[in-house]
Amino acid sequence: MVAIDPYHSAELLRQTLGWNGIAADVHAGYGLALVSVWVGLVVWCDGQYFWWRTGWNAERHRVIYAWHPAIDPERAARRISMYYAILRAMQSISELT
């Protein structure tokens, strides 16, 4: 798979999330880009893949990640939007302030 610029990939994801009504910020440096979506939802991008934390495996003491090819930001945005909706439903406003 051919890698593209991580910032460009992350920016395309941010724009696609924006079209779905989800505001996000992009930060880049050291060969990675981060898309900050919501409390507990940060998407990393290295130009080949997007990946984000989706849970915790208590048995193995490891984080569980979802990933998606960076060449498909539209489908990645749909998946991230679904996870965003779950996180928003689980967190009350009082928890965020």
PDB file of N, CA and C in Angstrom:
ATOM      1  N   MET A   1       0.835  -1.165   0.000  1.00  0.00           N
ATOM      2  CA  MET A   1       0.000   0.000   0.000  1.00  0.00           C
ATOM      3  C   MET A   1       0.892   1.244   0.000  1.00  0.00           C
ATOM      4  N   VAL A   2       0.549   2.208  -0.805  1.00  0.00           N
ATOM      5  CA  VAL A   2       1.326   3.429  -0.924  1.00  0.00           C
ATOM      6  C   VAL A   2       0.867   4.420   0.134  1.00  0.00           C
ATOM      7  N   ALA A   3       1.809   4.960   0.883  1.00  0.00           N
ATOM      8  CA  ALA A   3       1.481   5.955   1.907  1.00  0.00           C
ATOM      9  C   ALA A   3       1.356   7.327   1.263  1.00  0.00           C
ATOM     10  N   ILE A   4       0.430   8.112   1.766  1.00  0.00           N
ATOM     11  CA  ILE A   4       0.317   9.499   1.351  1.00  0.00           C
ATOM     12  C   ILE A   4       0.631  10.368   2.575  1.00  0.00           C
ATOM     13  N   ASP A   5       0.700  11.645   2.389  1.00  0.00           N
ATOM     14  CA  ASP A   5       1.029  12.555   3.474  1.00  0.00           C
ATOM     15  C   ASP A   5       0.025  12.386   4.614  1.00  0.00           C
ATOM     16  N   PRO A   6       0.498  12.104   5.838  1.00  0.00           N
ATOM     17  CA  PRO A   6      -0.418  11.898   6.962  1.00  0.00           C
ATOM     18  C   PRO A   6      -1.316  13.105   7.236  1.00  0.00           C
ATOM     19  N   TYR A   7      -0.767  14.320   7.114  1.00  0.00           N
ATOM     20  CA  TYR A   7      -1.577  15.508   7.362  1.00  0.00           C
ATOM     21  C   TYR A   7      -2.696  15.612   6.334  1.00  0.00           C
ATOM     22  N   HIS A   8      -2.382  15.361   5.073  1.00  0.00           N
ATOM     23  CA  HIS A   8      -3.401  15.427   4.012  1.00  0.00           C
ATOM     24  C   HIS A   8      -4.500  14.398   4.271  1.00  0.00           C
ATOM     25  N   SER A   9      -4.122  13.181   4.619  1.00  0.00           N
ATOM     26  CA  SER A   9      -5.104  12.136   4.923  1.00  0.00           C
ATOM     27  C   SER A   9      -5.982  12.545   6.097  1.00  0.00           C
ATOM     28  N   ALA A  10      -5.351  13.058   7.154  1.00  0.00           N
ATOM     29  CA  ALA A  10      -6.090  13.470   8.343  1.00  0.00           C
ATOM     30  C   ALA A  10      -7.022  14.632   8.032  1.00  0.00           C
ATOM     31  N   GLU A  11      -6.578  15.538   7.199  1.00  0.00           N
ATOM     32  CA  GLU A  11      -7.420  16.672   6.827  1.00  0.00           C
ATOM     33  C   GLU A  11      -8.632  16.215   6.020  1.00  0.00           C
ATOM     34  N   LEU A  12      -8.444  15.254   5.125  1.00  0.00           N
ATOM     35  CA  LEU A  12      -9.582  14.699   4.381  1.00  0.00           C
ATOM     36  C   LEU A  12     -10.575  14.039   5.335  1.00  0.00           C
ATOM     37  N   LEU A  13     -10.062  13.330   6.337  1.00  0.00           N
ATOM     38  CA  LEU A  13     -10.944  12.716   7.334  1.00  0.00           C
ATOM     39  C   LEU A  13     -11.692  13.791   8.111  1.00  0.00           C
ATOM     40  N   ARG A  14     -10.992  14.839   8.526  1.00  0.00           N
ATOM     41  CA  ARG A  14     -11.632  15.932   9.265  1.00  0.00           C
ATOM     42  C   ARG A  14     -12.747  16.574   8.441  1.00  0.00           C
ATOM     43  N   GLN A  15     -12.491  16.815   7.168  1.00  0.00           N
ATOM     44  CA  GLN A  15     -13.511  17.408   6.296  1.00  0.00           C
ATOM     45  C   GLN A  15     -14.724  16.494   6.169  1.00  0.00           C
ATOM     46  N   THR A  16     -14.476  15.211   6.003  1.00  0.00           N
ATOM     47  CA  THR A  16     -15.572  14.251   5.856  1.00  0.00           C
ATOM     48  C   THR A  16     -16.381  14.165   7.145  1.00  0.00           C
ATOM     49  N   LEU A  17     -15.720  14.159   8.287  1.00  0.00           N
ATOM     50  CA  LEU A  17     -16.441  14.184   9.561  1.00  0.00           C
ATOM     51  C   LEU A  17     -17.269  15.461   9.667  1.00  0.00           C
ATOM     52  N   GLY A  18     -16.708  16.585   9.221  1.00  0.00           N
ATOM     53  CA  GLY A  18     -17.432  17.856   9.243  1.00  0.00           C
ATOM     54  C   GLY A  18     -18.698  17.815   8.415  1.00  0.00           C
ATOM     55  N   TRP A  19     -18.662  17.160   7.272  1.00  0.00           N
ATOM     56  CA  TRP A  19     -19.861  17.015   6.444  1.00  0.00           C
ATOM     57  C   TRP A  19     -20.931  16.213   7.163  1.00  0.00           C
ATOM     58  N   ASN A  20     -20.500  15.383   8.127  1.00  0.00           N
ATOM     59  CA  ASN A  20     -21.443  14.592   8.925  1.00  0.00           C
ATOM     60  C   ASN A  20     -21.806  15.296  10.236  1.00  0.00           C
ATOM     61  N   GLY A  21     -21.425  16.566  10.360  1.00  0.00           N
ATOM     62  CA  GLY A  21     -21.785  17.343  11.533  1.00  0.00           C
ATOM     63  C   GLY A  21     -20.890  17.134  12.739  1.00  0.00           C
ATOM     64  N   ILE A  22     -19.706  16.567  12.538  1.00  0.00           N
ATOM     65  CA  ILE A  22     -18.778  16.311  13.638  1.00  0.00           C
ATOM     66  C   ILE A  22     -17.565  17.209  13.470  1.00  0.00           C
ATOM     67  N   ALA A  23     -17.401  18.129  14.414  1.00  0.00           N
ATOM     68  CA  ALA A  23     -16.251  19.030  14.379  1.00  0.00           C
ATOM     69  C   ALA A  23     -15.024  18.303  14.911  1.00  0.00           C
ATOM     70  N   ALA A  24     -13.886  18.517  14.275  1.00  0.00           N
ATOM     71  CA  ALA A  24     -12.635  17.883  14.690  1.00  0.00           C
ATOM     72  C   ALA A  24     -11.476  18.815  14.362  1.00  0.00           C
ATOM     73  N   ASP A  25     -10.349  18.568  15.017  1.00  0.00           N
ATOM     74  CA  ASP A  25      -9.126  19.333  14.780  1.00  0.00           C
ATOM     75  C   ASP A  25      -8.031  18.391  14.319  1.00  0.00           C
ATOM     76  N   VAL A  26      -7.119  18.902  13.490  1.00  0.00           N
ATOM     77  CA  VAL A  26      -5.984  18.099  13.022  1.00  0.00           C
ATOM     78  C   VAL A  26      -4.691  18.699  13.570  1.00  0.00           C
ATOM     79  N   HIS A  27      -3.841  17.833  14.062  1.00  0.00           N
ATOM     80  CA  HIS A  27      -2.521  18.219  14.566  1.00  0.00           C
ATOM     81  C   HIS A  27      -1.517  17.270  13.926  1.00  0.00           C
ATOM     82  N   ALA A  28      -0.374  17.800  13.509  1.00  0.00           N
ATOM     83  CA  ALA A  28       0.607  16.947  12.828  1.00  0.00           C
ATOM     84  C   ALA A  28       2.012  17.223  13.327  1.00  0.00           C
ATOM     85  N   GLY A  29       2.839  16.190  13.209  1.00  0.00           N
ATOM     86  CA  GLY A  29       4.244  16.316  13.553  1.00  0.00           C
ATOM     87  C   GLY A  29       4.871  14.953  13.712  1.00  0.00           C
ATOM     88  N   TYR A  30       6.169  14.886  13.507  1.00  0.00           N
ATOM     89  CA  TYR A  30       6.936  13.652  13.689  1.00  0.00           C
ATOM     90  C   TYR A  30       6.422  12.494  12.825  1.00  0.00           C
ATOM     91  N   GLY A  31       5.919  12.804  11.626  1.00  0.00           N
ATOM     92  CA  GLY A  31       5.486  11.770  10.696  1.00  0.00           C
ATOM     93  C   GLY A  31       4.101  11.212  10.951  1.00  0.00           C
ATOM     94  N   LEU A  32       3.368  11.786  11.914  1.00  0.00           N
ATOM     95  CA  LEU A  32       2.004  11.360  12.206  1.00  0.00           C
ATOM     96  C   LEU A  32       1.084  12.566  12.204  1.00  0.00           C
ATOM     97  N   ALA A  33      -0.191  12.294  12.031  1.00  0.00           N
ATOM     98  CA  ALA A  33      -1.211  13.329  12.202  1.00  0.00           C
ATOM     99  C   ALA A  33      -2.271  12.774  13.137  1.00  0.00           C
ATOM    100  N   LEU A  34      -2.826  13.653  13.964  1.00  0.00           N
ATOM    101  CA  LEU A  34      -3.878  13.268  14.896  1.00  0.00           C
ATOM    102  C   LEU A  34      -5.130  14.052  14.572  1.00  0.00           C
ATOM    103  N   VAL A  35      -6.258  13.364  14.581  1.00  0.00           N
ATOM    104  CA  VAL A  35      -7.548  14.016  14.415  1.00  0.00           C
ATOM    105  C   VAL A  35      -8.252  13.911  15.762  1.00  0.00           C
ATOM    106  N   SER A  36      -8.397  15.033  16.427  1.00  0.00           N
ATOM    107  CA  SER A  36      -9.054  15.078  17.730  1.00  0.00           C
ATOM    108  C   SER A  36     -10.545  15.249  17.495  1.00  0.00           C
ATOM    109  N   VAL A  37     -11.314  14.229  17.856  1.00  0.00           N
ATOM    110  CA  VAL A  37     -12.735  14.209  17.535  1.00  0.00           C
ATOM    111  C   VAL A  37     -13.602  14.498  18.765  1.00  0.00           C
ATOM    112  N   TRP A  38     -13.339  13.802  19.851  1.00  0.00           N
ATOM    113  CA  TRP A  38     -14.170  13.909  21.046  1.00  0.00           C
ATOM    114  C   TRP A  38     -13.354  13.421  22.237  1.00  0.00           C
ATOM    115  N   VAL A  39     -13.841  13.658  23.434  1.00  0.00           N
ATOM    116  CA  VAL A  39     -13.171  13.158  24.626  1.00  0.00           C
ATOM    117  C   VAL A  39     -13.023  11.647  24.501  1.00  0.00           C
ATOM    118  N   GLY A  40     -11.801  11.153  24.511  1.00  0.00           N
ATOM    119  CA  GLY A  40     -11.571   9.716  24.373  1.00  0.00           C
ATOM    120  C   GLY A  40     -11.565   9.207  22.950  1.00  0.00           C
ATOM    121  N   LEU A  41     -11.653  10.103  21.977  1.00  0.00           N
ATOM    122  CA  LEU A  41     -11.635   9.665  20.580  1.00  0.00           C
ATOM    123  C   LEU A  41     -10.639  10.510  19.790  1.00  0.00           C
ATOM    124  N   VAL A  42      -9.452   9.968  19.642  1.00  0.00           N
ATOM    125  CA  VAL A  42      -8.394  10.564  18.833  1.00  0.00           C
ATOM    126  C   VAL A  42      -8.039   9.560  17.747  1.00  0.00           C
ATOM    127  N   VAL A  43      -7.976  10.021  16.518  1.00  0.00           N
ATOM    128  CA  VAL A  43      -7.634   9.156  15.387  1.00  0.00           C
ATOM    129  C   VAL A  43      -6.220   9.501  14.950  1.00  0.00           C
ATOM    130  N   TRP A  44      -5.357   8.501  14.904  1.00  0.00           N
ATOM    131  CA  TRP A  44      -3.986   8.681  14.443  1.00  0.00           C
ATOM    132  C   TRP A  44      -3.922   8.327  12.967  1.00  0.00           C
ATOM    133  N   CYS A  45      -2.979   8.936  12.248  1.00  0.00           N
ATOM    134  CA  CYS A  45      -2.785   8.626  10.837  1.00  0.00           C
ATOM    135  C   CYS A  45      -1.302   8.700  10.511  1.00  0.00           C
ATOM    136  N   ASP A  46      -0.810   7.665   9.826  1.00  0.00           N
ATOM    137  CA  ASP A  46       0.588   7.650   9.383  1.00  0.00           C
ATOM    138  C   ASP A  46       0.700   7.759   7.865  1.00  0.00           C
ATOM    139  N   GLY A  47      -0.404   8.023   7.182  1.00  0.00           N
ATOM    140  CA  GLY A  47      -0.426   8.108   5.726  1.00  0.00           C
ATOM    141  C   GLY A  47      -0.888   6.822   5.071  1.00  0.00           C
ATOM    142  N   GLN A  48      -0.773   5.699   5.782  1.00  0.00           N
ATOM    143  CA  GLN A  48      -1.276   4.428   5.282  1.00  0.00           C
ATOM    144  C   GLN A  48      -2.578   4.032   5.957  1.00  0.00           C
ATOM    145  N   TYR A  49      -2.662   4.278   7.263  1.00  0.00           N
ATOM    146  CA  TYR A  49      -3.820   3.848   8.048  1.00  0.00           C
ATOM    147  C   TYR A  49      -4.294   4.936   8.988  1.00  0.00           C
ATOM    148  N   PHE A  50      -5.594   4.880   9.281  1.00  0.00           N
ATOM    149  CA  PHE A  50      -6.178   5.585  10.411  1.00  0.00           C
ATOM    150  C   PHE A  50      -6.350   4.530  11.493  1.00  0.00           C
ATOM    151  N   TRP A  51      -6.128   4.888  12.745  1.00  0.00           N
ATOM    152  CA  TRP A  51      -6.457   3.961  13.827  1.00  0.00           C
ATOM    153  C   TRP A  51      -6.896   4.747  15.054  1.00  0.00           C
ATOM    154  N   TRP A  52      -7.800   4.142  15.823  1.00  0.00           N
ATOM    155  CA  TRP A  52      -8.348   4.787  17.008  1.00  0.00           C
ATOM    156  C   TRP A  52      -8.675   3.729  18.053  1.00  0.00           C
ATOM    157  N   ARG A  53      -8.620   4.155  19.300  1.00  0.00           N
ATOM    158  CA  ARG A  53      -8.870   3.267  20.430  1.00  0.00           C
ATOM    159  C   ARG A  53     -10.363   2.992  20.562  1.00  0.00           C
ATOM    160  N   THR A  54     -10.719   1.717  20.731  1.00  0.00           N
ATOM    161  CA  THR A  54     -12.130   1.356  20.866  1.00  0.00           C
ATOM    162  C   THR A  54     -12.443   0.628  22.167  1.00  0.00           C
ATOM    163  N   GLY A  55     -11.428   0.286  22.925  1.00  0.00           N
ATOM    164  CA  GLY A  55     -11.716  -0.409  24.175  1.00  0.00           C
ATOM    165  C   GLY A  55     -10.463  -0.898  24.865  1.00  0.00           C
ATOM    166  N   TRP A  56     -10.679  -1.778  25.831  1.00  0.00           N
ATOM    167  CA  TRP A  56      -9.607  -2.323  26.657  1.00  0.00           C
ATOM    168  C   TRP A  56      -9.823  -3.819  26.811  1.00  0.00           C
ATOM    169  N   ASN A  57      -8.783  -4.606  26.561  1.00  0.00           N
ATOM    170  CA  ASN A  57      -8.818  -6.048  26.778  1.00  0.00           C
ATOM    171  C   ASN A  57      -8.225  -6.307  28.159  1.00  0.00           C
ATOM    172  N   ALA A  58      -9.091  -6.539  29.141  1.00  0.00           N
ATOM    173  CA  ALA A  58      -8.645  -6.720  30.521  1.00  0.00           C
ATOM    174  C   ALA A  58      -7.817  -7.991  30.690  1.00  0.00           C
ATOM    175  N   GLU A  59      -8.133  -9.001  29.913  1.00  0.00           N
ATOM    176  CA  GLU A  59      -7.398 -10.267  30.020  1.00  0.00           C
ATOM    177  C   GLU A  59      -5.941 -10.107  29.599  1.00  0.00           C
ATOM    178  N   ARG A  60      -5.716  -9.373  28.530  1.00  0.00           N
ATOM    179  CA  ARG A  60      -4.356  -9.177  28.010  1.00  0.00           C
ATOM    180  C   ARG A  60      -3.721  -7.866  28.463  1.00  0.00           C
ATOM    181  N   HIS A  61      -4.493  -7.042  29.162  1.00  0.00           N
ATOM    182  CA  HIS A  61      -4.012  -5.735  29.624  1.00  0.00           C
ATOM    183  C   HIS A  61      -3.506  -4.890  28.460  1.00  0.00           C
ATOM    184  N   ARG A  62      -4.343  -4.813  27.417  1.00  0.00           N
ATOM    185  CA  ARG A  62      -3.977  -4.070  26.206  1.00  0.00           C
ATOM    186  C   ARG A  62      -5.157  -3.269  25.680  1.00  0.00           C
ATOM    187  N   VAL A  63      -4.812  -2.197  25.019  1.00  0.00           N
ATOM    188  CA  VAL A  63      -5.812  -1.377  24.340  1.00  0.00           C
ATOM    189  C   VAL A  63      -6.264  -2.100  23.071  1.00  0.00           C
ATOM    190  N   ILE A  64      -7.530  -1.941  22.733  1.00  0.00           N
ATOM    191  CA  ILE A  64      -8.071  -2.486  21.485  1.00  0.00           C
ATOM    192  C   ILE A  64      -8.232  -1.316  20.514  1.00  0.00           C
ATOM    193  N   TYR A  65      -7.723  -1.491  19.315  1.00  0.00           N
ATOM    194  CA  TYR A  65      -7.793  -0.451  18.292  1.00  0.00           C
ATOM    195  C   TYR A  65      -8.606  -0.928  17.088  1.00  0.00           C
ATOM    196  N   ALA A  66      -9.283   0.019  16.461  1.00  0.00           N
ATOM    197  CA  ALA A  66      -9.875  -0.200  15.137  1.00  0.00           C
ATOM    198  C   ALA A  66      -8.959   0.518  14.158  1.00  0.00           C
ATOM    199  N   TRP A  67      -8.898   0.061  12.933  1.00  0.00           N
ATOM    200  CA  TRP A  67      -8.071   0.719  11.927  1.00  0.00           C
ATOM    201  C   TRP A  67      -8.785   0.689  10.588  1.00  0.00           C
ATOM    202  N   HIS A  68      -8.361   1.587   9.715  1.00  0.00           N
ATOM    203  CA  HIS A  68      -8.944   1.678   8.383  1.00  0.00           C
ATOM    204  C   HIS A  68      -7.906   2.269   7.433  1.00  0.00           C
ATOM    205  N   PRO A  69      -7.852   1.817   6.174  1.00  0.00           N
ATOM    206  CA  PRO A  69      -6.896   2.383   5.220  1.00  0.00           C
ATOM    207  C   PRO A  69      -7.121   3.886   5.012  1.00  0.00           C
ATOM    208  N   ALA A  70      -6.041   4.636   4.992  1.00  0.00           N
ATOM    209  CA  ALA A  70      -6.115   6.091   4.842  1.00  0.00           C
ATOM    210  C   ALA A  70      -6.574   6.530   3.456  1.00  0.00           C
ATOM    211  N   ILE A  71      -6.541   5.633   2.487  1.00  0.00           N
ATOM    212  CA  ILE A  71      -6.999   5.998   1.138  1.00  0.00           C
ATOM    213  C   ILE A  71      -8.518   6.036   1.040  1.00  0.00           C
ATOM    214  N   ASP A  72      -9.213   5.682   2.128  1.00  0.00           N
ATOM    215  CA  ASP A  72     -10.676   5.652   2.136  1.00  0.00           C
ATOM    216  C   ASP A  72     -11.228   6.455   3.318  1.00  0.00           C
ATOM    217  N   PRO A  73     -11.038   7.784   3.320  1.00  0.00           N
ATOM    218  CA  PRO A  73     -11.490   8.574   4.462  1.00  0.00           C
ATOM    219  C   PRO A  73     -13.006   8.611   4.636  1.00  0.00           C
ATOM    220  N   GLU A  74     -13.758   8.427   3.566  1.00  0.00           N
ATOM    221  CA  GLU A  74     -15.218   8.455   3.686  1.00  0.00           C
ATOM    222  C   GLU A  74     -15.727   7.289   4.528  1.00  0.00           C
ATOM    223  N   ARG A  75     -15.267   6.097   4.252  1.00  0.00           N
ATOM    224  CA  ARG A  75     -15.707   4.936   5.017  1.00  0.00           C
ATOM    225  C   ARG A  75     -15.153   4.988   6.440  1.00  0.00           C
ATOM    226  N   ALA A  76     -13.915   5.452   6.579  1.00  0.00           N
ATOM    227  CA  ALA A  76     -13.344   5.612   7.921  1.00  0.00           C
ATOM    228  C   ALA A  76     -14.191   6.594   8.723  1.00  0.00           C
ATOM    229  N   ALA A  77     -14.612   7.681   8.101  1.00  0.00           N
ATOM    230  CA  ALA A  77     -15.441   8.675   8.792  1.00  0.00           C
ATOM    231  C   ALA A  77     -16.775   8.079   9.229  1.00  0.00           C
ATOM    232  N   ARG A  78     -17.365   7.220   8.413  1.00  0.00           N
ATOM    233  CA  ARG A  78     -18.621   6.563   8.814  1.00  0.00           C
ATOM    234  C   ARG A  78     -18.410   5.709  10.049  1.00  0.00           C
ATOM    235  N   ARG A  79     -17.308   4.942  10.067  1.00  0.00           N
ATOM    236  CA  ARG A  79     -17.017   4.087  11.219  1.00  0.00           C
ATOM    237  C   ARG A  79     -16.738   4.926  12.461  1.00  0.00           C
ATOM    238  N   ILE A  80     -15.968   5.985  12.295  1.00  0.00           N
ATOM    239  CA  ILE A  80     -15.639   6.857  13.417  1.00  0.00           C
ATOM    240  C   ILE A  80     -16.901   7.569  13.910  1.00  0.00           C
ATOM    241  N   SER A  81     -17.778   7.966  13.002  1.00  0.00           N
ATOM    242  CA  SER A  81     -19.034   8.618  13.378  1.00  0.00           C
ATOM    243  C   SER A  81     -19.900   7.712  14.239  1.00  0.00           C
ATOM    244  N   MET A  82     -19.929   6.434  13.915  1.00  0.00           N
ATOM    245  CA  MET A  82     -20.706   5.485  14.721  1.00  0.00           C
ATOM    246  C   MET A  82     -20.126   5.374  16.130  1.00  0.00           C
ATOM    247  N   TYR A  83     -18.810   5.298  16.231  1.00  0.00           N
ATOM    248  CA  TYR A  83     -18.171   5.207  17.536  1.00  0.00           C
ATOM    249  C   TYR A  83     -18.348   6.514  18.317  1.00  0.00           C
ATOM    250  N   TYR A  84     -18.273   7.634  17.621  1.00  0.00           N
ATOM    251  CA  TYR A  84     -18.517   8.951  18.220  1.00  0.00           C
ATOM    252  C   TYR A  84     -19.908   9.000  18.853  1.00  0.00           C
ATOM    253  N   ALA A  85     -20.909   8.521  18.135  1.00  0.00           N
ATOM    254  CA  ALA A  85     -22.282   8.527  18.652  1.00  0.00           C
ATOM    255  C   ALA A  85     -22.382   7.685  19.927  1.00  0.00           C
ATOM    256  N   ILE A  86     -21.698   6.562  19.966  1.00  0.00           N
ATOM    257  CA  ILE A  86     -21.701   5.710  21.164  1.00  0.00           C
ATOM    258  C   ILE A  86     -21.060   6.454  22.335  1.00  0.00           C
ATOM    259  N   LEU A  87     -19.909   7.074  22.102  1.00  0.00           N
ATOM    260  CA  LEU A  87     -19.234   7.815  23.165  1.00  0.00           C
ATOM    261  C   LEU A  87     -20.085   8.966  23.670  1.00  0.00           C
ATOM    262  N   ARG A  88     -20.705   9.699  22.776  1.00  0.00           N
ATOM    263  CA  ARG A  88     -21.557  10.826  23.185  1.00  0.00           C
ATOM    264  C   ARG A  88     -22.725  10.350  24.015  1.00  0.00           C
ATOM    265  N   ALA A  89     -23.300   9.222  23.654  1.00  0.00           N
ATOM    266  CA  ALA A  89     -24.446   8.692  24.405  1.00  0.00           C
ATOM    267  C   ALA A  89     -24.032   8.229  25.798  1.00  0.00           C
ATOM    268  N   MET A  90     -22.787   7.770  25.940  1.00  0.00           N
ATOM    269  CA  MET A  90     -22.314   7.250  27.222  1.00  0.00           C
ATOM    270  C   MET A  90     -21.870   8.352  28.179  1.00  0.00           C
ATOM    271  N   GLN A  91     -21.514   9.530  27.675  1.00  0.00           N
ATOM    272  CA  GLN A  91     -20.970  10.587  28.511  1.00  0.00           C
ATOM    273  C   GLN A  91     -21.990  11.693  28.728  1.00  0.00           C
ATOM    274  N   SER A  92     -22.267  11.991  29.985  1.00  0.00           N
ATOM    275  CA  SER A  92     -23.176  13.092  30.278  1.00  0.00           C
ATOM    276  C   SER A  92     -22.400  14.412  30.208  1.00  0.00           C
ATOM    277  N   ILE A  93     -23.120  15.487  30.084  1.00  0.00           N
ATOM    278  CA  ILE A  93     -22.510  16.806  30.023  1.00  0.00           C
ATOM    279  C   ILE A  93     -21.744  17.108  31.307  1.00  0.00           C
ATOM    280  N   SER A  94     -22.264  16.685  32.447  1.00  0.00           N
ATOM    281  CA  SER A  94     -21.593  16.965  33.713  1.00  0.00           C
ATOM    282  C   SER A  94     -20.223  16.293  33.803  1.00  0.00           C
ATOM    283  N   GLU A  95     -20.059  15.153  33.143  1.00  0.00           N
ATOM    284  CA  GLU A  95     -18.774  14.480  33.122  1.00  0.00           C
ATOM    285  C   GLU A  95     -17.742  15.253  32.320  1.00  0.00           C
ATOM    286  N   LEU A  96     -18.185  16.018  31.353  1.00  0.00           N
ATOM    287  CA  LEU A  96     -17.280  16.714  30.445  1.00  0.00           C
ATOM    288  C   LEU A  96     -16.817  18.050  30.984  1.00  0.00           C
ATOM    289  N   THR A  97     -17.544  18.598  31.962  1.00  0.00           N
ATOM    290  CA  THR A  97     -17.165  19.908  32.493  1.00  0.00           C
ATOM    291  C   THR A  97     -16.402  19.806  33.788  1.00  0.00           C
TER     292      THR A  97
END
